[in-house]
Amino acid sequence: MRSRTWAAWLAWGLLLAWGAMGCGGPKNVTVTGHILRGGKPLPLSKTGVVQITLMPDVGPDQDYTTYVGRCEPDGSFRIEDVPPGRYRIGIEHLDPSPQDDQLRGAFRAENSKIVREIDGKAPLDIDLAKPGG
């Protein structure tokens, strides 16, 4: 019976030490920001949406997960549980949704030249009139 108790305390101690060392890697973050054009939200009909896709900037043969969100009418968005890292940012202005991308695919994640470091501290604000800056 004593060996079970000792083993349980040892396992508990190892878990506490592992957590204190931060061995779980970087914590996922919530990404917030705005998608605008010329400082204004993209205009939408009642059925339109602006979709933002975060695609990890990895090599062609690596597996990855994309993170997708939708903008509110004011251009703001929120995407939760995103691992920190470097991402290619895709934006689609689907209006009417999902038929027509009003941006004609220019900012789809696969084509986008918008790449940002995501850390959850600074908002991800993108103005399509000057996407590089």
Protein backbone atom coordinates (compact mmCIF):
# COMPACT_ATOMS: atom_id res chain seq x y z
CA MET A 1 0.00 0.00 0.00
CA ARG A 2 2.90 2.33 0.78
CA SER A 3 4.43 1.92 -2.66
CA ARG A 4 1.19 3.08 -4.28
CA THR A 5 1.08 6.19 -2.11
CA TRP A 6 4.73 6.93 -2.83
CA ALA A 7 4.17 6.47 -6.58
CA ALA A 8 1.14 8.77 -6.53
CA TRP A 9 3.10 11.51 -4.73
CA LEU A 10 5.99 11.10 -7.18
CA ALA A 11 3.63 11.40 -10.17
CA TRP A 12 1.95 14.46 -8.63
CA GLY A 13 5.33 16.09 -7.97
CA LEU A 14 6.49 15.46 -11.54
CA LEU A 15 3.32 17.02 -12.93
CA LEU A 16 3.77 20.12 -10.76
CA ALA A 17 7.43 20.46 -11.76
CA TRP A 18 6.56 20.02 -15.44
CA GLY A 19 3.91 22.74 -15.21
CA ALA A 20 6.23 25.11 -13.34
CA MET A 21 8.93 24.72 -16.01
CA GLY A 22 6.46 25.59 -18.75
CA CYS A 23 7.16 22.40 -20.65
CA GLY A 24 3.77 22.65 -22.29
CA GLY A 25 5.21 25.07 -24.88
CA PRO A 26 3.77 28.48 -25.72
CA LYS A 27 0.14 28.96 -24.76
CA ASN A 28 -2.42 29.55 -27.46
CA VAL A 29 -3.63 33.13 -27.81
CA THR A 30 -6.70 35.06 -28.89
CA VAL A 31 -6.12 37.10 -32.05
CA THR A 32 -8.12 40.30 -32.41
CA GLY A 33 -7.94 43.06 -34.96
CA HIS A 34 -9.61 44.82 -37.88
CA ILE A 35 -9.79 44.31 -41.63
CA LEU A 36 -10.34 47.63 -43.38
CA ARG A 37 -9.81 49.31 -46.75
CA GLY A 38 -8.80 52.95 -46.66
CA GLY A 39 -9.55 53.03 -42.94
CA LYS A 40 -13.16 51.83 -43.40
CA PRO A 41 -14.83 48.42 -43.06
CA LEU A 42 -15.54 46.54 -46.27
CA PRO A 43 -19.16 47.16 -47.30
CA LEU A 44 -21.44 44.14 -46.97
CA SER A 45 -24.94 43.21 -48.07
CA LYS A 46 -27.23 41.33 -45.66
CA THR A 47 -25.80 38.00 -46.86
CA GLY A 48 -22.15 39.05 -47.19
CA VAL A 49 -19.21 38.19 -44.91
CA VAL A 50 -15.56 39.08 -44.62
CA GLN A 51 -13.58 35.99 -43.70
CA ILE A 52 -10.03 36.00 -42.34
CA THR A 53 -7.83 32.90 -42.47
CA LEU A 54 -4.61 32.44 -40.53
CA MET A 55 -2.43 29.88 -42.33
CA PRO A 56 0.89 28.94 -40.68
CA ASP A 57 3.83 30.05 -42.82
CA VAL A 58 5.41 26.61 -43.17
CA GLY A 59 7.16 24.63 -45.88
CA PRO A 60 5.20 22.94 -48.68
CA ASP A 61 5.43 19.41 -47.24
CA GLN A 62 4.55 20.27 -43.65
CA ASP A 63 1.16 19.62 -42.07
CA TYR A 64 -0.67 22.63 -40.66
CA THR A 65 -3.99 23.81 -39.29
CA THR A 66 -5.70 26.99 -40.46
CA TYR A 67 -7.68 29.27 -38.15
CA VAL A 68 -10.71 31.06 -39.55
CA GLY A 69 -12.80 33.96 -38.31
CA ARG A 70 -15.44 36.36 -39.60
CA CYS A 71 -15.44 40.11 -39.30
CA GLU A 72 -18.18 42.08 -37.62
CA PRO A 73 -19.78 44.93 -39.64
CA ASP A 74 -17.21 47.35 -38.16
CA GLY A 75 -14.34 45.21 -39.53
CA SER A 76 -13.33 43.76 -36.16
CA PHE A 77 -12.67 40.06 -35.65
CA ARG A 78 -11.67 37.62 -32.92
CA ILE A 79 -10.10 34.18 -33.37
CA GLU A 80 -9.47 32.13 -30.24
CA ASP A 81 -7.03 29.35 -29.41
CA VAL A 82 -4.32 30.16 -31.99
CA PRO A 83 -0.74 28.97 -31.38
CA PRO A 84 1.76 31.86 -31.54
CA GLY A 85 3.88 31.92 -34.69
CA ARG A 86 4.29 33.27 -38.20
CA TYR A 87 1.12 33.22 -40.34
CA ARG A 88 0.08 34.04 -43.89
CA ILE A 89 -3.11 36.09 -43.62
CA GLY A 90 -5.94 35.34 -46.04
CA ILE A 91 -8.92 37.63 -46.54
CA GLU A 92 -12.04 36.96 -48.57
CA HIS A 93 -14.86 39.45 -49.08
CA LEU A 94 -17.68 37.02 -49.83
CA ASP A 95 -20.69 38.98 -51.00
CA PRO A 96 -23.08 37.40 -51.54
CA SER A 97 -21.73 34.60 -49.40
CA PRO A 98 -20.28 32.19 -50.47
CA GLN A 99 -20.49 32.79 -54.21
CA ASP A 100 -18.40 35.85 -55.04
CA ASP A 101 -15.09 36.97 -53.56
CA GLN A 102 -15.15 40.71 -54.22
CA LEU A 103 -11.34 40.70 -53.84
CA ARG A 104 -11.09 38.20 -56.74
CA GLY A 105 -8.83 35.85 -54.77
CA ALA A 106 -6.04 38.43 -54.44
CA PHE A 107 -5.83 37.90 -50.66
CA ARG A 108 -6.73 34.21 -50.36
CA ALA A 109 -4.38 32.53 -47.87
CA GLU A 110 -2.65 30.58 -50.65
CA ASN A 111 -1.96 33.77 -52.67
CA SER A 112 -1.63 36.38 -49.95
CA LYS A 113 1.61 38.24 -49.44
CA ILE A 114 0.45 39.42 -46.00
CA VAL A 115 2.58 37.61 -43.42
CA ARG A 116 2.57 38.53 -39.74
CA GLU A 117 3.99 37.23 -36.48
CA ILE A 118 1.09 36.37 -34.16
CA ASP A 119 1.71 36.65 -30.42
CA GLY A 120 -1.71 37.66 -29.06
CA LYS A 121 -0.31 40.91 -27.61
CA ALA A 122 -0.68 43.35 -30.51
CA PRO A 123 -3.91 43.54 -32.53
CA LEU A 124 -3.76 42.28 -36.09
CA ASP A 125 -4.97 45.33 -38.01
CA ILE A 126 -4.80 45.13 -41.81
CA ASP A 127 -5.80 47.84 -44.25
CA LEU A 128 -6.16 46.34 -47.73
CA ALA A 129 -5.29 49.74 -49.26
CA LYS A 130 -1.76 49.17 -47.87
CA PRO A 131 -1.58 45.49 -46.85
CA GLY A 132 2.19 45.44 -46.34
CA GLY A 133 2.17 48.12 -43.66
